[in-house]
Amino acid sequence: MTDGAGLSDRELRTWRTFLGVATVLNQQVEQQLKDTAGLSHPQYEVLARLSNAPDGELRMTELAGIALTSKSGLSYQVAQLEKAGLVQRRPCATDERGIVAVLTEAGWAKLRESAPNHLALVRSAFVESLSANEFAALTAAVDALGTHLGLTGETVTALRVQS
């Protein structure tokens, strides 16, 4: 049933379930990273993205383009990681106005230590909760949503986590 301009009961139920699933998964990931690595999810994502970059470094503007947080949120997370000795910021060699975030040896070690637990949670809570056919359908649906919302292949690739 729909009023013409709104969502059908099925559409509304699916939307609300999607929001609920995303919230619960984010809470589980956040808690697991806090408990096992002493990191927030955005901090882990910064480390993971830097690990995928050449030499473990990215300009802050590039990092902001693929971050799951606002630019001010990214600056805060990088500052926290810098205080913990996991990331360093330095001037960009090719642009005196640019700043580069660099993964330190301690940052590499923290990521290597925390990635197995994080990936195990993703596998158990997300991947293995669906049949192969359900996961294939979800992949297709999420890819379609990503395309519709303007996520580029480069952005999605940058979200990849190395273990």
N, C-alpha and C. Protein backbone atom coordinates (compact mmCIF):
# COMPACT_ATOMS: atom_id res chain seq x y z
N MET A 1 0.85 -1.18 0.00
CA MET A 1 0.00 0.00 0.00
C MET A 1 0.89 1.23 0.00
N THR A 2 0.51 2.24 -0.76
CA THR A 2 1.27 3.49 -0.82
C THR A 2 0.30 4.63 -1.06
N ASP A 3 0.72 5.82 -0.64
CA ASP A 3 -0.15 6.97 -0.86
C ASP A 3 0.16 7.67 -2.18
N GLY A 4 0.97 7.05 -3.01
CA GLY A 4 1.30 7.62 -4.32
C GLY A 4 2.64 8.33 -4.30
N ALA A 5 2.90 9.13 -3.29
CA ALA A 5 4.16 9.87 -3.23
C ALA A 5 5.14 9.21 -2.26
N GLY A 6 4.62 8.38 -1.36
CA GLY A 6 5.46 7.76 -0.35
C GLY A 6 5.99 6.42 -0.79
N LEU A 7 6.44 5.67 0.17
CA LEU A 7 6.97 4.33 -0.08
C LEU A 7 5.91 3.29 0.20
N SER A 8 5.98 2.19 -0.53
CA SER A 8 5.08 1.08 -0.25
C SER A 8 5.48 0.46 1.08
N ASP A 9 4.62 -0.37 1.64
CA ASP A 9 4.94 -1.04 2.90
C ASP A 9 6.24 -1.83 2.75
N ARG A 10 6.39 -2.53 1.64
CA ARG A 10 7.60 -3.33 1.41
C ARG A 10 8.84 -2.43 1.31
N GLU A 11 8.72 -1.34 0.57
CA GLU A 11 9.85 -0.42 0.42
C GLU A 11 10.24 0.19 1.77
N LEU A 12 9.26 0.61 2.55
CA LEU A 12 9.53 1.21 3.86
C LEU A 12 10.15 0.18 4.80
N ARG A 13 9.63 -1.04 4.79
CA ARG A 13 10.18 -2.10 5.65
C ARG A 13 11.62 -2.40 5.26
N THR A 14 11.89 -2.48 3.96
CA THR A 14 13.24 -2.76 3.48
C THR A 14 14.18 -1.62 3.86
N TRP A 15 13.75 -0.39 3.69
CA TRP A 15 14.56 0.77 4.06
C TRP A 15 14.89 0.74 5.55
N ARG A 16 13.89 0.53 6.37
CA ARG A 16 14.11 0.51 7.83
C ARG A 16 15.00 -0.66 8.24
N THR A 17 14.83 -1.81 7.62
CA THR A 17 15.69 -2.96 7.91
C THR A 17 17.12 -2.67 7.48
N PHE A 18 17.29 -2.07 6.31
CA PHE A 18 18.62 -1.70 5.83
C PHE A 18 19.31 -0.77 6.83
N LEU A 19 18.59 0.25 7.30
CA LEU A 19 19.16 1.18 8.28
C LEU A 19 19.52 0.45 9.57
N GLY A 20 18.65 -0.44 10.01
CA GLY A 20 18.91 -1.20 11.23
C GLY A 20 20.12 -2.11 11.10
N VAL A 21 20.21 -2.81 9.97
CA VAL A 21 21.35 -3.70 9.73
C VAL A 21 22.64 -2.90 9.69
N ALA A 22 22.64 -1.79 8.99
CA ALA A 22 23.85 -0.96 8.91
C ALA A 22 24.25 -0.46 10.29
N THR A 23 23.28 -0.05 11.09
CA THR A 23 23.57 0.44 12.44
C THR A 23 24.17 -0.65 13.31
N VAL A 24 23.55 -1.83 13.31
CA VAL A 24 24.04 -2.94 14.14
C VAL A 24 25.44 -3.37 13.69
N LEU A 25 25.65 -3.50 12.38
CA LEU A 25 26.98 -3.87 11.89
C LEU A 25 28.02 -2.83 12.29
N ASN A 26 27.70 -1.56 12.13
CA ASN A 26 28.64 -0.50 12.52
C ASN A 26 28.94 -0.55 14.01
N GLN A 27 27.93 -0.79 14.84
CA GLN A 27 28.15 -0.89 16.28
C GLN A 27 29.05 -2.07 16.62
N GLN A 28 28.82 -3.22 15.98
CA GLN A 28 29.65 -4.39 16.23
C GLN A 28 31.09 -4.15 15.81
N VAL A 29 31.29 -3.55 14.65
CA VAL A 29 32.64 -3.26 14.17
C VAL A 29 33.32 -2.26 15.11
N GLU A 30 32.62 -1.22 15.47
CA GLU A 30 33.18 -0.19 16.36
C GLU A 30 33.61 -0.81 17.70
N GLN A 31 32.74 -1.62 18.29
CA GLN A 31 33.05 -2.24 19.58
C GLN A 31 34.22 -3.21 19.47
N GLN A 32 34.22 -4.03 18.43
CA GLN A 32 35.30 -5.00 18.25
C GLN A 32 36.65 -4.30 18.07
N LEU A 33 36.70 -3.25 17.26
CA LEU A 33 37.96 -2.52 17.06
C LEU A 33 38.41 -1.83 18.34
N LYS A 34 37.47 -1.29 19.09
CA LYS A 34 37.81 -0.65 20.36
C LYS A 34 38.37 -1.68 21.33
N ASP A 35 37.70 -2.83 21.44
CA ASP A 35 38.10 -3.85 22.41
C ASP A 35 39.42 -4.53 22.04
N THR A 36 39.63 -4.80 20.76
CA THR A 36 40.81 -5.59 20.37
C THR A 36 41.99 -4.76 19.89
N ALA A 37 41.74 -3.54 19.42
CA ALA A 37 42.83 -2.75 18.86
C ALA A 37 42.97 -1.36 19.48
N GLY A 38 41.97 -0.95 20.27
CA GLY A 38 42.01 0.40 20.83
C GLY A 38 41.83 1.48 19.78
N LEU A 39 41.14 1.13 18.70
CA LEU A 39 40.91 2.06 17.59
C LEU A 39 39.42 2.29 17.39
N SER A 40 39.08 3.45 16.86
CA SER A 40 37.72 3.67 16.38
C SER A 40 37.65 3.13 14.96
N HIS A 41 36.44 2.94 14.46
CA HIS A 41 36.28 2.48 13.08
C HIS A 41 36.89 3.47 12.09
N PRO A 42 36.63 4.79 12.23
CA PRO A 42 37.27 5.73 11.30
C PRO A 42 38.80 5.68 11.37
N GLN A 43 39.37 5.48 12.55
CA GLN A 43 40.83 5.37 12.67
C GLN A 43 41.34 4.14 11.93
N TYR A 44 40.65 3.02 12.10
CA TYR A 44 41.04 1.80 11.39
C TYR A 44 40.96 2.02 9.89
N GLU A 45 39.91 2.69 9.43
CA GLU A 45 39.75 2.93 7.99
C GLU A 45 40.88 3.81 7.46
N VAL A 46 41.34 4.80 8.22
CA VAL A 46 42.47 5.62 7.80
C VAL A 46 43.71 4.74 7.65
N LEU A 47 43.98 3.90 8.64
CA LEU A 47 45.14 3.01 8.55
C LEU A 47 45.02 2.08 7.35
N ALA A 48 43.85 1.51 7.14
CA ALA A 48 43.64 0.57 6.03
C ALA A 48 43.83 1.27 4.68
N ARG A 49 43.30 2.48 4.55
CA ARG A 49 43.43 3.20 3.29
C ARG A 49 44.90 3.57 3.02
N LEU A 50 45.59 4.00 4.06
CA LEU A 50 47.00 4.31 3.89
C LEU A 50 47.79 3.06 3.51
N SER A 51 47.41 1.91 4.06
CA SER A 51 48.13 0.67 3.75
C SER A 51 47.97 0.28 2.29
N ASN A 52 46.92 0.71 1.65
CA ASN A 52 46.67 0.40 0.24
C ASN A 52 47.33 1.40 -0.70
N ALA A 53 47.85 2.49 -0.15
CA ALA A 53 48.48 3.53 -0.97
C ALA A 53 49.96 3.22 -1.19
N PRO A 54 50.52 3.68 -2.29
CA PRO A 54 51.96 3.49 -2.51
C PRO A 54 52.76 4.06 -1.34
N ASP A 55 53.66 3.27 -0.83
CA ASP A 55 54.53 3.66 0.29
C ASP A 55 53.75 4.02 1.56
N GLY A 56 52.48 3.63 1.64
CA GLY A 56 51.69 3.89 2.84
C GLY A 56 51.43 5.36 3.10
N GLU A 57 51.33 6.14 2.03
CA GLU A 57 51.11 7.57 2.22
C GLU A 57 50.13 8.13 1.20
N LEU A 58 49.38 9.12 1.65
CA LEU A 58 48.42 9.82 0.79
C LEU A 58 48.37 11.28 1.20
N ARG A 59 48.14 12.13 0.21
CA ARG A 59 47.85 13.53 0.55
C ARG A 59 46.56 13.55 1.34
N MET A 60 46.46 14.46 2.27
CA MET A 60 45.26 14.55 3.09
C MET A 60 44.02 14.79 2.23
N THR A 61 44.15 15.54 1.14
CA THR A 61 43.00 15.78 0.27
C THR A 61 42.54 14.49 -0.40
N GLU A 62 43.50 13.63 -0.80
CA GLU A 62 43.14 12.33 -1.39
C GLU A 62 42.48 11.43 -0.34
N LEU A 63 43.05 11.43 0.85
CA LEU A 63 42.50 10.62 1.93
C LEU A 63 41.09 11.08 2.28
N ALA A 64 40.87 12.38 2.27
CA ALA A 64 39.53 12.92 2.55
C ALA A 64 38.53 12.47 1.49
N GLY A 65 39.00 12.31 0.27
CA GLY A 65 38.12 11.91 -0.82
C GLY A 65 37.61 10.49 -0.70
N ILE A 66 38.32 9.65 0.04
CA ILE A 66 37.91 8.25 0.18
C ILE A 66 37.56 7.89 1.62
N ALA A 67 37.53 8.86 2.49
CA ALA A 67 37.27 8.60 3.91
C ALA A 67 35.79 8.42 4.17
N LEU A 68 35.49 7.70 5.24
CA LEU A 68 34.12 7.52 5.68
C LEU A 68 33.75 8.56 6.73
N THR A 69 34.35 9.71 6.65
CA THR A 69 34.12 10.76 7.63
C THR A 69 34.26 12.12 6.94
N SER A 70 33.84 13.15 7.62
CA SER A 70 33.97 14.51 7.07
C SER A 70 35.44 14.92 7.08
N LYS A 71 35.77 16.01 6.37
CA LYS A 71 37.15 16.50 6.36
C LYS A 71 37.61 16.88 7.76
N SER A 72 36.74 17.53 8.52
CA SER A 72 37.13 17.88 9.89
C SER A 72 37.26 16.62 10.75
N GLY A 73 36.37 15.66 10.51
CA GLY A 73 36.47 14.39 11.22
C GLY A 73 37.74 13.65 10.87
N LEU A 74 38.13 13.69 9.58
CA LEU A 74 39.37 13.06 9.15
C LEU A 74 40.56 13.72 9.83
N SER A 75 40.59 15.04 9.86
CA SER A 75 41.70 15.75 10.51
C SER A 75 41.81 15.35 11.97
N TYR A 76 40.67 15.24 12.64
CA TYR A 76 40.68 14.82 14.05
C TYR A 76 41.22 13.41 14.19
N GLN A 77 40.75 12.48 13.34
CA GLN A 77 41.19 11.08 13.44
C GLN A 77 42.68 10.96 13.15
N VAL A 78 43.17 11.67 12.14
CA VAL A 78 44.59 11.63 11.82
C VAL A 78 45.40 12.22 12.97
N ALA A 79 44.91 13.28 13.59
CA ALA A 79 45.61 13.86 14.75
C ALA A 79 45.69 12.85 15.89
N GLN A 80 44.61 12.11 16.13
CA GLN A 80 44.63 11.09 17.18
C GLN A 80 45.61 9.97 16.84
N LEU A 81 45.61 9.55 15.58
CA LEU A 81 46.55 8.51 15.14
C LEU A 81 47.99 9.01 15.22
N GLU A 82 48.19 10.29 14.95
CA GLU A 82 49.52 10.87 15.04
C GLU A 82 49.99 10.89 16.49
N LYS A 83 49.11 11.26 17.41
CA LYS A 83 49.45 11.24 18.85
C LYS A 83 49.84 9.84 19.31
N ALA A 84 49.18 8.83 18.73
CA ALA A 84 49.46 7.44 19.10
C ALA A 84 50.69 6.88 18.37
N GLY A 85 51.29 7.68 17.49
CA GLY A 85 52.48 7.26 16.77
C GLY A 85 52.20 6.32 15.60
N LEU A 86 50.95 6.25 15.15
CA LEU A 86 50.57 5.33 14.08
C LEU A 86 50.63 5.98 12.70
N VAL A 87 50.56 7.30 12.67
CA VAL A 87 50.57 8.08 11.43
C VAL A 87 51.43 9.31 11.67
N GLN A 88 52.09 9.78 10.64
CA GLN A 88 52.80 11.05 10.68
C GLN A 88 52.24 11.93 9.58
N ARG A 89 52.24 13.22 9.84
CA ARG A 89 51.91 14.19 8.79
C ARG A 89 53.18 14.95 8.45
N ARG A 90 53.35 15.18 7.14
CA ARG A 90 54.51 15.95 6.70
C ARG A 90 54.13 16.73 5.45
N PRO A 91 54.92 17.75 5.14
CA PRO A 91 54.64 18.51 3.92
C PRO A 91 54.79 17.64 2.68
N CYS A 92 54.00 17.91 1.68
CA CYS A 92 54.07 17.21 0.40
C CYS A 92 55.31 17.68 -0.36
N ALA A 93 56.07 16.73 -0.89
CA ALA A 93 57.30 17.07 -1.60
C ALA A 93 57.05 17.82 -2.90
N THR A 94 55.89 17.61 -3.51
CA THR A 94 55.61 18.22 -4.82
C THR A 94 54.70 19.44 -4.74
N ASP A 95 54.17 19.74 -3.55
CA ASP A 95 53.26 20.88 -3.40
C ASP A 95 53.43 21.42 -1.99
N GLU A 96 54.04 22.58 -1.88
CA GLU A 96 54.34 23.12 -0.55
C GLU A 96 53.09 23.39 0.30
N ARG A 97 51.93 23.50 -0.34
CA ARG A 97 50.70 23.71 0.42
C ARG A 97 50.08 22.40 0.90
N GLY A 98 50.49 21.28 0.27
CA GLY A 98 49.89 19.99 0.58
C GLY A 98 50.50 19.32 1.81
N ILE A 99 49.69 18.52 2.47
CA ILE A 99 50.12 17.73 3.62
C ILE A 99 49.89 16.26 3.29
N VAL A 100 50.84 15.44 3.66
CA VAL A 100 50.78 14.00 3.39
C VAL A 100 50.65 13.27 4.72
N ALA A 101 49.75 12.29 4.78
CA ALA A 101 49.65 11.39 5.92
C ALA A 101 50.42 10.13 5.58
N VAL A 102 51.27 9.69 6.49
CA VAL A 102 52.15 8.54 6.25
C VAL A 102 51.96 7.53 7.37
N LEU A 103 51.77 6.29 7.00
CA LEU A 103 51.66 5.19 7.95
C LEU A 103 53.04 4.91 8.53
N THR A 104 53.19 4.93 9.85
CA THR A 104 54.47 4.65 10.50
C THR A 104 54.64 3.14 10.65
N GLU A 105 55.81 2.72 11.06
CA GLU A 105 56.04 1.29 11.33
C GLU A 105 55.07 0.80 12.41
N ALA A 106 54.82 1.63 13.42
CA ALA A 106 53.85 1.26 14.47
C ALA A 106 52.45 1.15 13.88
N GLY A 107 52.14 2.02 12.91
CA GLY A 107 50.84 1.95 12.25
C GLY A 107 50.68 0.67 11.44
N TRP A 108 51.75 0.31 10.71
CA TRP A 108 51.73 -0.96 9.96
C TRP A 108 51.52 -2.12 10.92
N ALA A 109 52.23 -2.10 12.03
CA ALA A 109 52.13 -3.19 13.02
C ALA A 109 50.72 -3.26 13.61
N LYS A 110 50.14 -2.11 13.93
CA LYS A 110 48.78 -2.06 14.49
C LYS A 110 47.78 -2.63 13.49
N LEU A 111 47.95 -2.28 12.23
CA LEU A 111 47.03 -2.78 11.20
C LEU A 111 47.19 -4.29 11.02
N ARG A 112 48.43 -4.77 10.98
CA ARG A 112 48.66 -6.22 10.85
C ARG A 112 48.08 -6.97 12.05
N GLU A 113 48.16 -6.38 13.22
CA GLU A 113 47.64 -6.99 14.44
C GLU A 113 46.11 -6.99 14.47
N SER A 114 45.50 -5.92 14.02
CA SER A 114 44.04 -5.77 14.16
C SER A 114 43.25 -6.30 12.96
N ALA A 115 43.86 -6.38 11.78
CA ALA A 115 43.12 -6.79 10.57
C ALA A 115 42.52 -8.19 10.69
N PRO A 116 43.22 -9.20 11.20
CA PRO A 116 42.61 -10.53 11.25
C PRO A 116 41.31 -10.58 12.06
N ASN A 117 41.28 -9.93 13.22
CA ASN A 117 40.05 -9.91 14.02
C ASN A 117 38.95 -9.13 13.32
N HIS A 118 39.31 -8.02 12.71
CA HIS A 118 38.32 -7.20 12.01
C HIS A 118 37.72 -7.98 10.84
N LEU A 119 38.59 -8.59 10.04
CA LEU A 119 38.11 -9.34 8.88
C LEU A 119 37.29 -10.56 9.30
N ALA A 120 37.65 -11.19 10.42
CA ALA A 120 36.86 -12.32 10.92
C ALA A 120 35.46 -11.87 11.31
N LEU A 121 35.34 -10.70 11.93
CA LEU A 121 34.02 -10.18 12.27
C LEU A 121 33.22 -9.87 11.01
N VAL A 122 33.83 -9.24 10.03
CA VAL A 122 33.15 -8.93 8.78
C VAL A 122 32.66 -10.22 8.12
N ARG A 123 33.53 -11.24 8.12
CA ARG A 123 33.14 -12.51 7.52
C ARG A 123 31.96 -13.13 8.27
N SER A 124 32.03 -13.20 9.59
CA SER A 124 30.98 -13.88 10.34
C SER A 124 29.67 -13.09 10.38
N ALA A 125 29.75 -11.78 10.52
CA ALA A 125 28.54 -10.98 10.66
C ALA A 125 27.92 -10.58 9.33
N PHE A 126 28.72 -10.55 8.29
CA PHE A 126 28.24 -10.02 7.01
C PHE A 126 28.23 -11.08 5.91
N VAL A 127 29.34 -11.70 5.65
CA VAL A 127 29.46 -12.61 4.52
C VAL A 127 28.76 -13.93 4.80
N GLU A 128 29.10 -14.58 5.91
CA GLU A 128 28.60 -15.93 6.18
C GLU A 128 27.16 -15.97 6.66
N SER A 129 26.56 -14.82 6.91
CA SER A 129 25.16 -14.81 7.33
C SER A 129 24.21 -14.98 6.15
N LEU A 130 24.77 -15.00 4.93
CA LEU A 130 23.97 -15.14 3.71
C LEU A 130 24.43 -16.36 2.93
N SER A 131 23.50 -16.95 2.18
CA SER A 131 23.88 -18.02 1.25
C SER A 131 24.69 -17.41 0.11
N ALA A 132 25.33 -18.25 -0.68
CA ALA A 132 26.10 -17.75 -1.83
C ALA A 132 25.21 -16.96 -2.79
N ASN A 133 24.00 -17.46 -3.04
CA ASN A 133 23.08 -16.75 -3.93
C ASN A 133 22.62 -15.42 -3.33
N GLU A 134 22.33 -15.43 -2.04
CA GLU A 134 21.92 -14.18 -1.38
C GLU A 134 23.06 -13.16 -1.41
N PHE A 135 24.28 -13.63 -1.17
CA PHE A 135 25.42 -12.70 -1.18
C PHE A 135 25.65 -12.16 -2.59
N ALA A 136 25.49 -12.98 -3.61
CA ALA A 136 25.63 -12.51 -4.99
C ALA A 136 24.58 -11.45 -5.30
N ALA A 137 23.35 -11.67 -4.84
CA ALA A 137 22.29 -10.69 -5.07
C ALA A 137 22.58 -9.39 -4.31
N LEU A 138 23.06 -9.52 -3.08
CA LEU A 138 23.41 -8.33 -2.29
C LEU A 138 24.54 -7.57 -2.97
N THR A 139 25.54 -8.28 -3.46
CA THR A 139 26.66 -7.64 -4.16
C THR A 139 26.16 -6.84 -5.35
N ALA A 140 25.29 -7.45 -6.14
CA ALA A 140 24.74 -6.75 -7.31
C ALA A 140 23.95 -5.52 -6.88
N ALA A 141 23.15 -5.66 -5.84
CA ALA A 141 22.33 -4.54 -5.38
C ALA A 141 23.20 -3.41 -4.83
N VAL A 142 24.21 -3.74 -4.03
CA VAL A 142 25.09 -2.73 -3.47
C VAL A 142 25.91 -2.05 -4.57
N ASP A 143 26.36 -2.83 -5.55
CA ASP A 143 27.08 -2.24 -6.68
C ASP A 143 26.18 -1.25 -7.43
N ALA A 144 24.92 -1.62 -7.64
CA ALA A 144 23.98 -0.73 -8.33
C ALA A 144 23.76 0.55 -7.52
N LEU A 145 23.60 0.40 -6.20
CA LEU A 145 23.44 1.59 -5.35
C LEU A 145 24.69 2.46 -5.39
N GLY A 146 25.86 1.83 -5.33
CA GLY A 146 27.11 2.59 -5.40
C GLY A 146 27.23 3.37 -6.69
N THR A 147 26.88 2.75 -7.79
CA THR A 147 26.92 3.43 -9.09
C THR A 147 25.94 4.60 -9.09
N HIS A 148 24.73 4.35 -8.61
CA HIS A 148 23.70 5.41 -8.57
C HIS A 148 24.14 6.59 -7.71
N LEU A 149 24.84 6.29 -6.60
CA LEU A 149 25.25 7.35 -5.68
C LEU A 149 26.61 7.95 -6.03
N GLY A 150 27.21 7.50 -7.14
CA GLY A 150 28.43 8.11 -7.61
C GLY A 150 29.72 7.56 -7.03
N LEU A 151 29.67 6.41 -6.40
CA LEU A 151 30.91 5.80 -5.93
C LEU A 151 31.66 5.29 -7.15
N THR A 152 32.89 5.74 -7.32
CA THR A 152 33.67 5.31 -8.46
C THR A 152 34.41 4.01 -8.13
N GLY A 153 34.86 3.33 -9.15
CA GLY A 153 35.65 2.12 -8.94
C GLY A 153 36.89 2.40 -8.11
N GLU A 154 37.49 3.58 -8.31
CA GLU A 154 38.69 3.97 -7.55
C GLU A 154 38.35 4.12 -6.07
N THR A 155 37.22 4.74 -5.76
CA THR A 155 36.82 4.91 -4.37
C THR A 155 36.55 3.57 -3.71
N VAL A 156 35.85 2.70 -4.42
CA VAL A 156 35.54 1.38 -3.88
C VAL A 156 36.82 0.59 -3.67
N THR A 157 37.73 0.63 -4.62
CA THR A 157 39.00 -0.08 -4.49
C THR A 157 39.77 0.45 -3.29
N ALA A 158 39.71 1.73 -3.06
CA ALA A 158 40.41 2.32 -1.92
C ALA A 158 39.84 1.87 -0.59
N LEU A 159 38.60 1.37 -0.60
CA LEU A 159 37.99 0.88 0.63
C LEU A 159 38.49 -0.50 1.00
N ARG A 160 39.18 -1.17 0.08
CA ARG A 160 39.69 -2.51 0.31
C ARG A 160 40.63 -2.52 1.50
N VAL A 161 40.60 -3.57 2.30
CA VAL A 161 41.46 -3.69 3.48
C VAL A 161 42.48 -4.79 3.23
N GLN A 162 43.74 -4.47 3.43
CA GLN A 162 44.78 -5.49 3.31
C GLN A 162 45.00 -6.11 4.68
N SER A 163 45.21 -7.42 4.68
CA SER A 163 45.53 -8.09 5.95
C SER A 163 46.97 -8.50 5.95
